[in-house]
Structure formats: C-alpha cells, structure tokens
C-alpha cells in the first residue's frame, strides 16, 4: 500500500494526532510524549504525517525560513516507525520538505539543518553539499558560525562546541531525528559521534546544502 502524506500547519494538529505521533516515537525509542509534542506544535510551523491506510507510520515537524537572509529547511524532529519501509518513509518526508522549499525559495541554494543523536540520521544528507560535521573535515569559521546560528534556533546553544557541532541540552527535552535508532549500521559518520552522548542530553547540529538546480529538477538523492 502506498504511503499517503499530509502536510498542514503544526497548530492544526489535533490531540488525537499527537497521541498517534507519540505512540510511533515510543516504538522508535524516542519517547516524545503527547505533552512534549503539544509544546512543539506551538513552536514550529509545518507538520507532515505519513500513513499507510489508517496506520500512522511517522511524521515530521519543520519550518522554511531565512536566517540572516539565507533560505533554510529546519527540521525540528522526525519520527519513523521501525519497519522494512523506514527508508521509503524518510524519503517521502524529505521529498515533501524539498518540494515546499522549491516553492518558497525558487532559484536559491537552501541550507538543511537537523539535530541528530545517531549516525544513521546522516542518510538525510545523501547528495547534499558541504555537510558539517563530517569525518576528516575541520569546519571553517563560517561553518562554525552556522553551527551557532542553528543551535540558537533549535534552542540548544547551551554549552555548544562549534568545532564539533556538539550541542548540550539545558535539561529541557528536545526534538531530533528518530530514524533507525534500533538498527545499528556501519557508517563513515560514526567517527563524528564519538563525542556525543545522547543519554546526557547531547546531540549534533548537522547541516548541508541542497542546490537550486537539484530542487528544480528533483534530482536530490534520498534514502531508498
């Protein structure tokens, strides 16, 4: 059965949908409660819910905005139900974000920013340019500045190390990409997570660039 995606304003999510969202996050081990998601509903702009029939497979809260004039896709959180179609689900959510970015920011390169607690989440950045952090790369001054800007926007600038993009929560729960958390795989990005201890409220601020021509012709590679 095909995945059906619905996107609407976050503040249009009803309590029943938040309960479904929370139940899927429990399956992934993220434990985003309905109360937490209700707060995120007030702070973020867009939500996408993916269903197979009546069953919720996952969802995303995100926004399209400019930071200092730069167009951005900022993904507050993603939750995917652990199952065989998890990559297909992530691809559908990303395709939706890219489609909306094309409409909002035609003919512009767009920054994509997320919070990760697992190297598996780097699948989001397949085909994107200048991903930070990445193995063997020392961030430039401008890239470190972007880490600071994004950490501030995500509310995780408390104790940020802009050299590693390691952010530390001030004790408040935060959203992140909850994707394949129960499916450990070997990836070259494990190296950049050696400094990250999610159990201590830590996450990596990760970003990269999707080019205008990729958005225009739909050539952005996504997990399949």
N, C-alpha and C. Protein backbone atom coordinates (compact mmCIF):
# COMPACT_ATOMS: atom_id res chain seq x y z
N UNK A 1 0.85 -1.20 0.00
CA UNK A 1 0.00 0.00 0.00
C UNK A 1 0.88 1.25 0.00
N UNK A 2 0.48 2.25 -0.76
CA UNK A 2 1.28 3.47 -0.88
C UNK A 2 1.24 4.29 0.40
N UNK A 3 2.35 4.99 0.63
CA UNK A 3 2.41 5.92 1.76
C UNK A 3 1.67 7.20 1.38
N UNK A 4 0.74 7.62 2.21
CA UNK A 4 -0.01 8.84 1.98
C UNK A 4 0.48 9.92 2.94
N UNK A 5 0.87 11.06 2.37
CA UNK A 5 1.46 12.13 3.17
C UNK A 5 0.51 13.31 3.24
N UNK A 6 0.32 13.85 4.44
CA UNK A 6 -0.50 15.04 4.64
C UNK A 6 0.34 16.09 5.36
N UNK A 7 0.39 17.28 4.78
CA UNK A 7 1.14 18.37 5.40
C UNK A 7 0.19 19.51 5.74
N UNK A 8 0.33 20.04 6.94
CA UNK A 8 -0.51 21.15 7.39
C UNK A 8 0.24 21.93 8.45
N UNK A 9 -0.34 23.05 8.86
CA UNK A 9 0.27 23.83 9.93
C UNK A 9 0.33 23.00 11.20
N UNK A 10 1.41 23.18 11.95
CA UNK A 10 1.54 22.44 13.20
C UNK A 10 0.37 22.71 14.14
N UNK A 11 -0.08 23.96 14.17
CA UNK A 11 -1.15 24.28 15.12
C UNK A 11 -2.50 23.69 14.70
N UNK A 12 -2.53 23.04 13.52
CA UNK A 12 -3.75 22.35 13.10
C UNK A 12 -3.75 20.88 13.52
N UNK A 13 -2.65 20.40 14.10
CA UNK A 13 -2.60 19.03 14.61
C UNK A 13 -3.53 18.92 15.81
N UNK A 14 -4.38 17.90 15.82
CA UNK A 14 -5.26 17.74 16.97
C UNK A 14 -4.63 16.78 17.99
N UNK A 15 -5.24 16.69 19.15
CA UNK A 15 -4.66 15.90 20.23
C UNK A 15 -4.57 14.42 19.87
N UNK A 16 -5.53 13.92 19.11
CA UNK A 16 -5.50 12.51 18.71
C UNK A 16 -4.29 12.23 17.82
N UNK A 17 -3.98 13.17 16.94
CA UNK A 17 -2.81 13.00 16.06
C UNK A 17 -1.52 13.05 16.87
N UNK A 18 -1.48 13.91 17.88
CA UNK A 18 -0.30 13.96 18.74
C UNK A 18 -0.13 12.65 19.51
N UNK A 19 -1.22 12.06 19.94
CA UNK A 19 -1.14 10.77 20.63
C UNK A 19 -0.60 9.69 19.69
N UNK A 20 -1.04 9.70 18.44
CA UNK A 20 -0.52 8.75 17.45
C UNK A 20 0.98 8.97 17.23
N UNK A 21 1.35 10.24 17.10
CA UNK A 21 2.75 10.62 16.90
C UNK A 21 3.59 10.10 18.06
N UNK A 22 3.10 10.30 19.27
CA UNK A 22 3.82 9.86 20.46
C UNK A 22 3.97 8.34 20.49
N UNK A 23 2.93 7.63 20.07
CA UNK A 23 2.98 6.16 20.07
C UNK A 23 4.04 5.65 19.10
N UNK A 24 4.16 6.28 17.93
CA UNK A 24 5.19 5.88 16.98
C UNK A 24 6.58 6.17 17.54
N UNK A 25 6.72 7.30 18.22
CA UNK A 25 8.03 7.64 18.80
C UNK A 25 8.43 6.63 19.87
N UNK A 26 7.46 6.11 20.61
CA UNK A 26 7.75 5.07 21.60
C UNK A 26 8.32 3.82 20.93
N UNK A 27 7.77 3.45 19.78
CA UNK A 27 8.26 2.29 19.05
C UNK A 27 9.71 2.48 18.62
N UNK A 28 10.08 3.72 18.31
CA UNK A 28 11.44 4.04 17.87
C UNK A 28 12.38 4.21 19.05
N UNK A 29 11.83 4.34 20.26
CA UNK A 29 12.65 4.56 21.44
C UNK A 29 12.93 6.02 21.72
N UNK A 30 12.18 6.92 21.07
CA UNK A 30 12.42 8.35 21.25
C UNK A 30 11.64 8.92 22.42
N UNK A 31 10.49 8.35 22.73
CA UNK A 31 9.68 8.79 23.87
C UNK A 31 9.33 10.28 23.81
N UNK A 32 8.86 10.74 22.66
CA UNK A 32 8.31 12.08 22.55
C UNK A 32 6.86 12.00 23.03
N UNK A 33 6.58 12.49 24.21
CA UNK A 33 5.23 12.39 24.77
C UNK A 33 4.29 13.34 24.04
N UNK A 34 2.99 13.09 24.19
CA UNK A 34 1.99 13.98 23.60
C UNK A 34 2.12 15.38 24.17
N UNK A 35 2.46 15.49 25.45
CA UNK A 35 2.65 16.80 26.05
C UNK A 35 3.82 17.55 25.44
N UNK A 36 4.93 16.84 25.23
CA UNK A 36 6.09 17.46 24.58
C UNK A 36 5.74 17.87 23.16
N UNK A 37 5.08 16.99 22.42
CA UNK A 37 4.72 17.30 21.04
C UNK A 37 3.74 18.47 20.97
N UNK A 38 2.89 18.60 21.98
CA UNK A 38 1.96 19.73 22.02
C UNK A 38 2.73 21.05 22.12
N UNK A 39 3.79 21.05 22.90
CA UNK A 39 4.62 22.25 23.01
C UNK A 39 5.31 22.54 21.68
N UNK A 40 5.81 21.48 21.03
CA UNK A 40 6.47 21.68 19.73
C UNK A 40 5.47 22.18 18.69
N UNK A 41 4.24 21.76 18.81
CA UNK A 41 3.17 22.22 17.91
C UNK A 41 3.05 23.73 17.94
N UNK A 42 3.30 24.32 19.09
CA UNK A 42 3.18 25.77 19.24
C UNK A 42 4.42 26.50 18.73
N UNK A 43 5.56 25.81 18.65
CA UNK A 43 6.82 26.48 18.34
C UNK A 43 7.27 26.33 16.89
N UNK A 44 6.68 25.35 16.16
CA UNK A 44 7.11 25.10 14.79
C UNK A 44 5.95 25.32 13.83
N UNK A 45 6.25 25.38 12.55
CA UNK A 45 5.26 25.87 11.59
C UNK A 45 4.53 24.76 10.84
N UNK A 46 5.27 23.81 10.28
CA UNK A 46 4.67 22.80 9.41
C UNK A 46 4.82 21.40 9.98
N UNK A 47 3.85 20.57 9.68
CA UNK A 47 3.91 19.16 10.08
C UNK A 47 3.52 18.29 8.90
N UNK A 48 4.20 17.17 8.76
CA UNK A 48 3.85 16.17 7.76
C UNK A 48 3.61 14.85 8.46
N UNK A 49 2.48 14.22 8.18
CA UNK A 49 2.15 12.92 8.74
C UNK A 49 2.06 11.91 7.60
N UNK A 50 2.69 10.76 7.78
CA UNK A 50 2.70 9.72 6.76
C UNK A 50 1.89 8.53 7.24
N UNK A 51 0.95 8.09 6.41
CA UNK A 51 0.07 6.99 6.78
C UNK A 51 0.07 5.90 5.72
N UNK A 52 -0.21 4.70 6.19
CA UNK A 52 -0.50 3.57 5.32
C UNK A 52 -1.88 3.08 5.73
N UNK A 53 -2.89 3.45 4.94
CA UNK A 53 -4.26 3.21 5.38
C UNK A 53 -4.56 4.09 6.58
N UNK A 54 -5.04 3.49 7.65
CA UNK A 54 -5.34 4.24 8.87
C UNK A 54 -4.17 4.28 9.84
N UNK A 55 -3.08 3.61 9.50
CA UNK A 55 -1.94 3.50 10.42
C UNK A 55 -0.93 4.61 10.19
N UNK A 56 -0.58 5.32 11.26
CA UNK A 56 0.45 6.34 11.17
C UNK A 56 1.83 5.67 11.18
N UNK A 57 2.62 5.96 10.14
CA UNK A 57 3.96 5.40 10.02
C UNK A 57 5.03 6.33 10.57
N UNK A 58 4.73 7.62 10.60
CA UNK A 58 5.72 8.58 11.08
C UNK A 58 5.34 10.00 10.74
N UNK A 59 6.22 10.92 11.07
CA UNK A 59 5.92 12.32 10.80
C UNK A 59 7.12 13.22 11.03
N UNK A 60 6.89 14.49 10.79
CA UNK A 60 7.96 15.47 10.83
C UNK A 60 7.37 16.82 11.21
N UNK A 61 8.12 17.59 12.00
CA UNK A 61 7.81 18.99 12.26
C UNK A 61 8.98 19.81 11.75
N UNK A 62 8.67 20.83 10.96
CA UNK A 62 9.75 21.59 10.32
C UNK A 62 9.27 22.99 9.99
N UNK A 63 10.18 23.79 9.48
CA UNK A 63 9.83 25.12 9.04
C UNK A 63 10.72 25.52 7.88
N UNK A 64 10.23 26.41 7.06
CA UNK A 64 11.01 27.03 5.99
C UNK A 64 11.16 28.50 6.38
N UNK A 65 12.38 28.93 6.56
CA UNK A 65 12.59 30.32 6.97
C UNK A 65 13.97 30.77 6.54
N UNK A 66 14.19 32.05 6.66
CA UNK A 66 15.50 32.62 6.35
C UNK A 66 16.22 32.97 7.65
N UNK A 67 17.48 32.63 7.70
CA UNK A 67 18.34 33.04 8.80
C UNK A 67 19.40 33.96 8.22
N UNK A 68 19.35 35.23 8.60
CA UNK A 68 20.28 36.19 8.03
C UNK A 68 20.18 36.28 6.52
N UNK A 69 18.99 36.06 5.99
CA UNK A 69 18.78 36.13 4.55
C UNK A 69 18.97 34.81 3.82
N UNK A 70 19.53 33.81 4.49
CA UNK A 70 19.79 32.51 3.86
C UNK A 70 18.57 31.61 3.99
N UNK A 71 18.06 31.06 2.88
CA UNK A 71 16.91 30.17 2.96
C UNK A 71 17.27 28.85 3.62
N UNK A 72 16.39 28.37 4.49
CA UNK A 72 16.68 27.16 5.27
C UNK A 72 15.46 26.26 5.36
N UNK A 73 15.73 24.96 5.35
CA UNK A 73 14.78 23.95 5.81
C UNK A 73 15.27 23.52 7.18
N UNK A 74 14.53 23.84 8.22
CA UNK A 74 14.92 23.48 9.58
C UNK A 74 13.97 22.39 10.07
N UNK A 75 14.52 21.22 10.31
CA UNK A 75 13.71 20.07 10.73
C UNK A 75 13.85 19.91 12.24
N UNK A 76 12.78 20.19 12.94
CA UNK A 76 12.81 20.09 14.40
C UNK A 76 12.87 18.64 14.85
N UNK A 77 12.05 17.80 14.24
CA UNK A 77 12.07 16.38 14.59
C UNK A 77 11.46 15.55 13.47
N UNK A 78 11.92 14.33 13.39
CA UNK A 78 11.37 13.31 12.50
C UNK A 78 11.21 12.05 13.32
N UNK A 79 10.11 11.37 13.13
CA UNK A 79 9.89 10.06 13.76
C UNK A 79 9.45 9.08 12.68
N UNK A 80 10.11 7.93 12.63
CA UNK A 80 9.72 6.88 11.69
C UNK A 80 9.46 5.59 12.46
N UNK A 81 8.42 4.88 12.05
CA UNK A 81 8.11 3.60 12.68
C UNK A 81 9.11 2.55 12.23
N UNK A 82 9.72 1.83 13.17
CA UNK A 82 10.71 0.82 12.78
C UNK A 82 10.05 -0.32 11.99
N UNK A 83 10.35 -0.39 10.72
CA UNK A 83 9.84 -1.48 9.88
C UNK A 83 10.60 -1.47 8.56
N UNK A 84 10.26 -2.39 7.68
CA UNK A 84 11.02 -2.56 6.44
C UNK A 84 10.99 -1.32 5.55
N UNK A 85 9.95 -0.51 5.66
CA UNK A 85 9.80 0.64 4.75
C UNK A 85 10.32 1.93 5.36
N UNK A 86 11.20 1.83 6.34
CA UNK A 86 11.64 3.03 7.05
C UNK A 86 12.37 4.00 6.13
N UNK A 87 13.23 3.49 5.25
CA UNK A 87 13.92 4.37 4.31
C UNK A 87 12.94 5.04 3.35
N UNK A 88 11.98 4.28 2.88
CA UNK A 88 10.97 4.84 1.98
C UNK A 88 10.19 5.96 2.66
N UNK A 89 9.91 5.77 3.93
CA UNK A 89 9.19 6.78 4.70
C UNK A 89 10.01 8.05 4.85
N UNK A 90 11.29 7.90 5.19
CA UNK A 90 12.15 9.08 5.31
C UNK A 90 12.25 9.80 3.97
N UNK A 91 12.37 9.05 2.89
CA UNK A 91 12.45 9.66 1.56
C UNK A 91 11.19 10.46 1.25
N UNK A 92 10.03 9.95 1.62
CA UNK A 92 8.78 10.66 1.37
C UNK A 92 8.71 11.97 2.15
N UNK A 93 9.15 11.93 3.40
CA UNK A 93 9.14 13.15 4.22
C UNK A 93 10.11 14.19 3.67
N UNK A 94 11.29 13.76 3.26
CA UNK A 94 12.26 14.70 2.70
C UNK A 94 11.77 15.27 1.38
N UNK A 95 11.17 14.44 0.55
CA UNK A 95 10.64 14.92 -0.73
C UNK A 95 9.62 16.03 -0.50
N UNK A 96 8.80 15.87 0.53
CA UNK A 96 7.81 16.89 0.85
C UNK A 96 8.49 18.20 1.26
N UNK A 97 9.52 18.11 2.09
CA UNK A 97 10.24 19.31 2.52
C UNK A 97 10.90 20.00 1.33
N UNK A 98 11.52 19.22 0.44
CA UNK A 98 12.19 19.80 -0.72
C UNK A 98 11.19 20.44 -1.69
N UNK A 99 10.04 19.80 -1.86
CA UNK A 99 9.03 20.36 -2.76
C UNK A 99 8.54 21.71 -2.26
N UNK A 100 8.36 21.81 -0.96
CA UNK A 100 7.90 23.08 -0.39
C UNK A 100 9.01 24.14 -0.43
N UNK A 101 10.26 23.70 -0.27
CA UNK A 101 11.37 24.64 -0.36
C UNK A 101 11.49 25.21 -1.76
N UNK A 102 11.24 24.39 -2.78
CA UNK A 102 11.30 24.87 -4.15
C UNK A 102 10.28 25.99 -4.38
N UNK A 103 9.11 25.84 -3.81
CA UNK A 103 8.08 26.87 -3.96
C UNK A 103 8.42 28.14 -3.17
N UNK A 104 9.00 27.94 -1.98
CA UNK A 104 9.30 29.09 -1.11
C UNK A 104 10.56 29.82 -1.54
N UNK A 105 11.54 29.06 -2.05
CA UNK A 105 12.85 29.64 -2.37
C UNK A 105 13.28 29.25 -3.79
N UNK A 106 12.54 29.67 -4.82
CA UNK A 106 12.92 29.29 -6.18
C UNK A 106 14.27 29.89 -6.57
N UNK A 107 15.07 29.09 -7.28
CA UNK A 107 16.37 29.54 -7.80
C UNK A 107 17.38 29.88 -6.71
N UNK A 108 17.24 29.27 -5.52
CA UNK A 108 18.19 29.53 -4.45
C UNK A 108 18.70 28.21 -3.86
N UNK A 109 19.98 28.21 -3.48
CA UNK A 109 20.51 27.10 -2.70
C UNK A 109 19.93 27.20 -1.29
N UNK A 110 19.64 26.06 -0.69
CA UNK A 110 18.94 26.04 0.59
C UNK A 110 19.73 25.22 1.60
N UNK A 111 19.89 25.76 2.80
CA UNK A 111 20.54 25.03 3.89
C UNK A 111 19.53 24.11 4.56
N UNK A 112 19.94 22.89 4.85
CA UNK A 112 19.12 21.92 5.57
C UNK A 112 19.77 21.67 6.93
N UNK A 113 19.04 21.90 8.01
CA UNK A 113 19.60 21.73 9.35
C UNK A 113 18.74 20.82 10.20
N UNK A 114 19.41 19.93 10.96
CA UNK A 114 18.71 18.98 11.83
C UNK A 114 19.51 18.78 13.11
N UNK A 115 18.91 18.03 14.04
CA UNK A 115 19.60 17.55 15.25
C UNK A 115 19.64 16.03 15.18
N UNK A 116 20.83 15.46 15.33
CA UNK A 116 20.99 14.01 15.25
C UNK A 116 21.55 13.46 16.55
N UNK A 117 21.09 12.26 16.92
CA UNK A 117 21.69 11.54 18.05
C UNK A 117 22.26 10.21 17.59
N UNK A 118 22.18 9.94 16.29
CA UNK A 118 22.67 8.68 15.72
C UNK A 118 23.24 8.93 14.33
N UNK A 119 24.33 8.26 13.96
CA UNK A 119 24.88 8.45 12.62
C UNK A 119 23.95 7.99 11.51
N UNK A 120 22.96 7.14 11.83
CA UNK A 120 22.01 6.71 10.80
C UNK A 120 21.27 7.90 10.20
N UNK A 121 21.09 8.96 10.99
CA UNK A 121 20.37 10.13 10.51
C UNK A 121 21.07 10.86 9.38
N UNK A 122 22.35 10.56 9.17
CA UNK A 122 23.08 11.20 8.07
C UNK A 122 22.52 10.81 6.71
N UNK A 123 21.65 9.79 6.66
CA UNK A 123 21.01 9.46 5.39
C UNK A 123 20.20 10.64 4.85
N UNK A 124 19.80 11.53 5.72
CA UNK A 124 19.11 12.74 5.29
C UNK A 124 19.96 13.55 4.32
N UNK A 125 21.27 13.47 4.47
CA UNK A 125 22.17 14.34 3.73
C UNK A 125 22.75 13.69 2.48
N UNK A 126 22.17 12.57 2.05
CA UNK A 126 22.59 11.95 0.80
C UNK A 126 22.48 12.95 -0.34
N UNK A 127 23.58 13.20 -1.03
CA UNK A 127 23.56 14.08 -2.19
C UNK A 127 23.66 15.55 -1.88
N UNK A 128 23.70 15.94 -0.60
CA UNK A 128 23.82 17.35 -0.25
C UNK A 128 25.29 17.76 -0.21
N UNK A 129 25.54 19.04 -0.37
CA UNK A 129 26.91 19.56 -0.43
C UNK A 129 27.35 20.12 0.91
N UNK A 130 28.67 20.06 1.15
CA UNK A 130 29.31 20.73 2.29
C UNK A 130 28.63 20.39 3.61
N UNK A 131 28.43 19.10 3.85
CA UNK A 131 27.80 18.65 5.09
C UNK A 131 28.76 18.85 6.26
N UNK A 132 28.25 19.39 7.35
CA UNK A 132 29.04 19.66 8.56
C UNK A 132 28.24 19.20 9.77
N UNK A 133 28.88 18.44 10.69
CA UNK A 133 30.25 17.92 10.63
C UNK A 133 30.33 16.68 9.75
N UNK A 134 31.54 16.38 9.30
CA UNK A 134 31.79 15.17 8.52
C UNK A 134 33.21 14.68 8.83
N UNK A 135 33.47 13.41 8.65
CA UNK A 135 34.78 12.85 9.02
C UNK A 135 35.92 13.53 8.26
N UNK A 136 36.99 13.83 8.99
CA UNK A 136 38.19 14.37 8.38
C UNK A 136 38.10 15.82 7.98
N UNK A 137 37.03 16.51 8.35
CA UNK A 137 36.86 17.90 7.95
C UNK A 137 36.93 18.82 9.16
N UNK A 138 37.76 19.84 9.04
CA UNK A 138 37.84 20.87 10.07
C UNK A 138 36.97 22.05 9.65
N UNK A 139 35.93 22.36 10.40
CA UNK A 139 35.00 23.40 9.96
C UNK A 139 35.65 24.77 9.85
N UNK A 140 35.23 25.51 8.86
CA UNK A 140 35.71 26.87 8.68
C UNK A 140 35.03 27.79 9.69
N UNK A 141 35.49 29.02 9.74
CA UNK A 141 34.87 29.99 10.64
C UNK A 141 33.40 30.21 10.33
N UNK A 142 33.06 30.26 9.04
CA UNK A 142 31.66 30.46 8.66
C UNK A 142 30.82 29.24 9.01
N UNK A 143 31.38 28.05 8.85
CA UNK A 143 30.64 26.83 9.22
C UNK A 143 30.41 26.76 10.72
N UNK A 144 31.40 27.19 11.49
CA UNK A 144 31.22 27.22 12.95
C UNK A 144 30.14 28.24 13.32
N UNK A 145 30.11 29.35 12.58
CA UNK A 145 29.07 30.35 12.82
C UNK A 145 27.68 29.77 12.53
N UNK A 146 27.58 28.94 11.49
CA UNK A 146 26.30 28.31 11.19
C UNK A 146 25.90 27.33 12.29
N UNK A 147 26.85 26.63 12.85
CA UNK A 147 26.53 25.74 13.98
C UNK A 147 25.92 26.55 15.12
N UNK A 148 26.49 27.72 15.39
CA UNK A 148 25.96 28.57 16.47
C UNK A 148 24.57 29.09 16.13
N UNK A 149 24.38 29.53 14.89
CA UNK A 149 23.06 30.05 14.50
C UNK A 149 21.98 28.97 14.63
N UNK A 150 22.30 27.79 14.14
CA UNK A 150 21.30 26.71 14.17
C UNK A 150 21.04 26.24 15.59
N UNK A 151 22.10 26.14 16.39
CA UNK A 151 21.91 25.73 17.79
C UNK A 151 21.00 26.72 18.51
N UNK A 152 21.18 28.00 18.25
CA UNK A 152 20.33 29.01 18.87
C UNK A 152 18.89 28.85 18.40
N UNK A 153 18.71 28.64 17.10
CA UNK A 153 17.35 28.48 16.56
C UNK A 153 16.67 27.24 17.12
N UNK A 154 17.44 26.19 17.34
CA UNK A 154 16.89 24.95 17.88
C UNK A 154 16.78 24.97 19.40
N UNK A 155 17.26 26.04 20.03
CA UNK A 155 17.19 26.13 21.48
C UNK A 155 18.20 25.25 22.18
N UNK A 156 19.34 24.97 21.51
CA UNK A 156 20.37 24.09 22.07
C UNK A 156 21.74 24.76 22.07
N UNK A 157 21.76 26.06 22.27
CA UNK A 157 23.04 26.76 22.26
C UNK A 157 23.72 26.75 23.63
N UNK A 158 23.10 26.09 24.61
CA UNK A 158 23.71 25.95 25.93
C UNK A 158 24.89 24.99 25.84
N UNK A 159 26.10 25.50 26.04
CA UNK A 159 27.28 24.65 26.03
C UNK A 159 27.67 24.12 24.67
N UNK A 160 27.31 24.81 23.59
CA UNK A 160 27.65 24.36 22.25
C UNK A 160 29.16 24.39 22.01
N UNK A 161 29.68 23.32 21.41
CA UNK A 161 31.05 23.29 20.90
C UNK A 161 30.96 23.45 19.39
N UNK A 162 31.23 24.64 18.88
CA UNK A 162 31.02 24.88 17.45
C UNK A 162 32.08 24.22 16.57
N UNK A 163 33.13 23.66 17.17
CA UNK A 163 34.13 22.94 16.38
C UNK A 163 33.65 21.54 16.01
N UNK A 164 32.87 20.93 16.89
CA UNK A 164 32.35 19.59 16.63
C UNK A 164 30.85 19.60 16.34
N UNK A 165 30.21 20.76 16.50
CA UNK A 165 28.75 20.91 16.38
C UNK A 165 28.01 20.15 17.48
N UNK A 166 28.70 19.84 18.58
CA UNK A 166 28.06 19.15 19.69
C UNK A 166 27.27 20.15 20.52
N UNK A 167 25.98 19.88 20.67
CA UNK A 167 25.11 20.73 21.46
C UNK A 167 24.65 19.97 22.70
N UNK A 168 24.41 20.71 23.77
CA UNK A 168 24.02 20.11 25.04
C UNK A 168 22.74 20.77 25.52
N UNK A 169 21.75 19.96 25.85
CA UNK A 169 20.50 20.49 26.38
C UNK A 169 20.72 21.08 27.76
N UNK A 170 19.94 22.09 28.09
CA UNK A 170 20.00 22.69 29.43
C UNK A 170 19.10 21.95 30.41
N UNK A 171 18.69 20.75 30.02
CA UNK A 171 17.81 19.95 30.87
C UNK A 171 16.42 19.77 30.29
N UNK A 172 16.08 20.62 29.31
CA UNK A 172 14.78 20.51 28.65
C UNK A 172 14.83 19.43 27.57
N UNK A 173 13.72 18.72 27.39
CA UNK A 173 13.64 17.75 26.30
C UNK A 173 13.67 18.49 24.97
N UNK A 174 14.23 17.87 23.96
CA UNK A 174 14.31 18.49 22.64
C UNK A 174 13.97 17.45 21.57
N UNK A 175 13.57 17.93 20.41
CA UNK A 175 13.28 17.04 19.30
C UNK A 175 14.54 16.71 18.53
N UNK A 176 14.49 15.63 17.79
CA UNK A 176 15.63 15.21 16.96
C UNK A 176 15.13 14.22 15.92
N UNK A 177 16.03 13.75 15.08
CA UNK A 177 15.67 12.77 14.06
C UNK A 177 15.69 11.38 14.69
N UNK A 178 14.51 10.81 14.87
CA UNK A 178 14.38 9.47 15.43
C UNK A 178 14.16 8.50 14.28
N UNK A 179 15.26 8.08 13.68
CA UNK A 179 15.24 7.25 12.47
C UNK A 179 16.24 6.11 12.61
N UNK A 180 15.75 4.89 12.53
CA UNK A 180 16.58 3.69 12.59
C UNK A 180 17.44 3.66 13.86
N UNK A 181 16.90 4.14 14.95
CA UNK A 181 17.66 4.15 16.20
C UNK A 181 17.90 2.73 16.71
N UNK A 182 17.05 1.80 16.32
CA UNK A 182 17.19 0.42 16.78
C UNK A 182 17.84 -0.47 15.72
N UNK A 183 18.46 0.15 14.74
CA UNK A 183 19.04 -0.58 13.62
C UNK A 183 20.48 -0.12 13.40
N UNK A 184 21.39 -0.48 14.31
CA UNK A 184 22.77 -0.01 14.18
C UNK A 184 23.43 -0.52 12.91
N UNK A 185 24.05 0.37 12.17
CA UNK A 185 24.74 0.01 10.94
C UNK A 185 26.10 0.69 10.93
N UNK A 186 26.99 0.13 10.13
CA UNK A 186 28.31 0.73 9.97
C UNK A 186 28.21 1.89 8.99
N UNK A 187 28.63 3.07 9.41
CA UNK A 187 28.65 4.22 8.52
C UNK A 187 29.92 5.01 8.78
N UNK A 188 30.42 5.72 7.77
CA UNK A 188 31.62 6.53 7.98
C UNK A 188 31.41 7.67 8.96
N UNK A 189 30.15 7.95 9.30
CA UNK A 189 29.85 9.08 10.19
C UNK A 189 29.90 8.70 11.66
N UNK A 190 30.15 7.43 11.97
CA UNK A 190 30.26 7.05 13.38
C UNK A 190 31.37 7.83 14.08
N UNK A 191 32.40 8.17 13.32
CA UNK A 191 33.54 8.90 13.88
C UNK A 191 33.12 10.23 14.50
N UNK A 192 32.21 10.94 13.84
CA UNK A 192 31.85 12.27 14.35
C UNK A 192 30.95 12.17 15.57
N UNK A 193 30.41 10.98 15.85
CA UNK A 193 29.55 10.80 17.01
C UNK A 193 30.30 10.31 18.24
N UNK A 194 31.62 10.15 18.14
CA UNK A 194 32.38 9.67 19.29
C UNK A 194 32.28 10.63 20.47
N UNK A 195 32.02 11.91 20.18
CA UNK A 195 31.94 12.92 21.24
C UNK A 195 30.53 13.06 21.80
N UNK A 196 29.55 12.37 21.21
CA UNK A 196 28.14 12.63 21.51
C UNK A 196 27.56 11.56 22.43
N UNK A 197 26.98 12.00 23.55
CA UNK A 197 26.33 11.09 24.50
C UNK A 197 24.87 11.51 24.65
N UNK A 198 23.98 10.96 23.82
CA UNK A 198 22.57 11.36 23.87
C UNK A 198 21.94 11.19 25.24
N UNK A 199 22.40 10.17 26.00
CA UNK A 199 21.83 9.95 27.33
C UNK A 199 22.13 11.10 28.28
N UNK A 200 23.10 11.94 27.92
CA UNK A 200 23.43 13.12 28.72
C UNK A 200 22.84 14.40 28.12
N UNK A 201 21.87 14.25 27.23
CA UNK A 201 21.23 15.42 26.63
C UNK A 201 22.02 16.04 25.51
N UNK A 202 22.89 15.26 24.87
CA UNK A 202 23.73 15.80 23.80
C UNK A 202 23.20 15.38 22.42
N UNK A 203 23.42 16.24 21.45
CA UNK A 203 23.05 15.97 20.06
C UNK A 203 24.01 16.72 19.16
N UNK A 204 24.11 16.29 17.93
CA UNK A 204 24.91 17.02 16.95
C UNK A 204 24.00 17.90 16.10
N UNK A 205 24.42 19.14 15.91
CA UNK A 205 23.76 20.03 14.96
C UNK A 205 24.41 19.75 13.60
N UNK A 206 23.65 19.24 12.67
CA UNK A 206 24.19 18.84 11.36
C UNK A 206 23.48 19.63 10.27
N UNK A 207 24.26 20.09 9.30
CA UNK A 207 23.66 20.85 8.20
C UNK A 207 24.42 20.60 6.91
N UNK A 208 23.74 20.86 5.82
CA UNK A 208 24.33 20.75 4.49
C UNK A 208 23.50 21.59 3.53
N UNK A 209 23.90 21.58 2.28
CA UNK A 209 23.27 22.46 1.29
C UNK A 209 22.67 21.65 0.15
N UNK A 210 21.42 21.95 -0.18
CA UNK A 210 20.79 21.41 -1.38
C UNK A 210 20.80 22.51 -2.42
N UNK A 211 21.32 22.20 -3.61
CA UNK A 211 21.50 23.20 -4.65
C UNK A 211 20.18 23.52 -5.35
N UNK A 212 20.09 24.74 -5.84
CA UNK A 212 18.87 25.20 -6.51
C UNK A 212 18.50 24.30 -7.67
N UNK A 213 19.50 23.86 -8.45
CA UNK A 213 19.20 23.01 -9.60
C UNK A 213 18.70 21.63 -9.18
N UNK A 214 19.15 21.15 -8.02
CA UNK A 214 18.64 19.87 -7.52
C UNK A 214 17.17 19.99 -7.14
N UNK A 215 16.82 21.09 -6.50
CA UNK A 215 15.42 21.30 -6.14
C UNK A 215 14.56 21.45 -7.39
N UNK A 216 15.08 22.17 -8.38
CA UNK A 216 14.30 22.46 -9.57
C UNK A 216 14.01 21.21 -10.40
N UNK A 217 15.00 20.31 -10.51
CA UNK A 217 14.78 19.13 -11.36
C UNK A 217 14.50 17.86 -10.57
N UNK A 218 14.37 18.01 -9.24
CA UNK A 218 14.02 16.85 -8.42
C UNK A 218 15.10 15.80 -8.33
N UNK A 219 16.36 16.21 -8.48
CA UNK A 219 17.46 15.24 -8.53
C UNK A 219 18.14 15.03 -7.19
N UNK A 220 17.55 15.52 -6.09
CA UNK A 220 18.17 15.34 -4.78
C UNK A 220 18.07 13.86 -4.40
N UNK A 221 19.20 13.17 -4.20
CA UNK A 221 19.12 11.76 -3.78
C UNK A 221 18.54 11.67 -2.37
N UNK A 222 17.69 10.68 -2.16
CA UNK A 222 17.10 10.44 -0.85
C UNK A 222 17.22 8.96 -0.54
N UNK A 223 17.09 8.58 0.73
CA UNK A 223 17.19 7.16 1.09
C UNK A 223 16.16 6.32 0.34
N UNK A 224 16.59 5.19 -0.21
CA UNK A 224 15.68 4.28 -0.91
C UNK A 224 16.00 2.85 -0.50
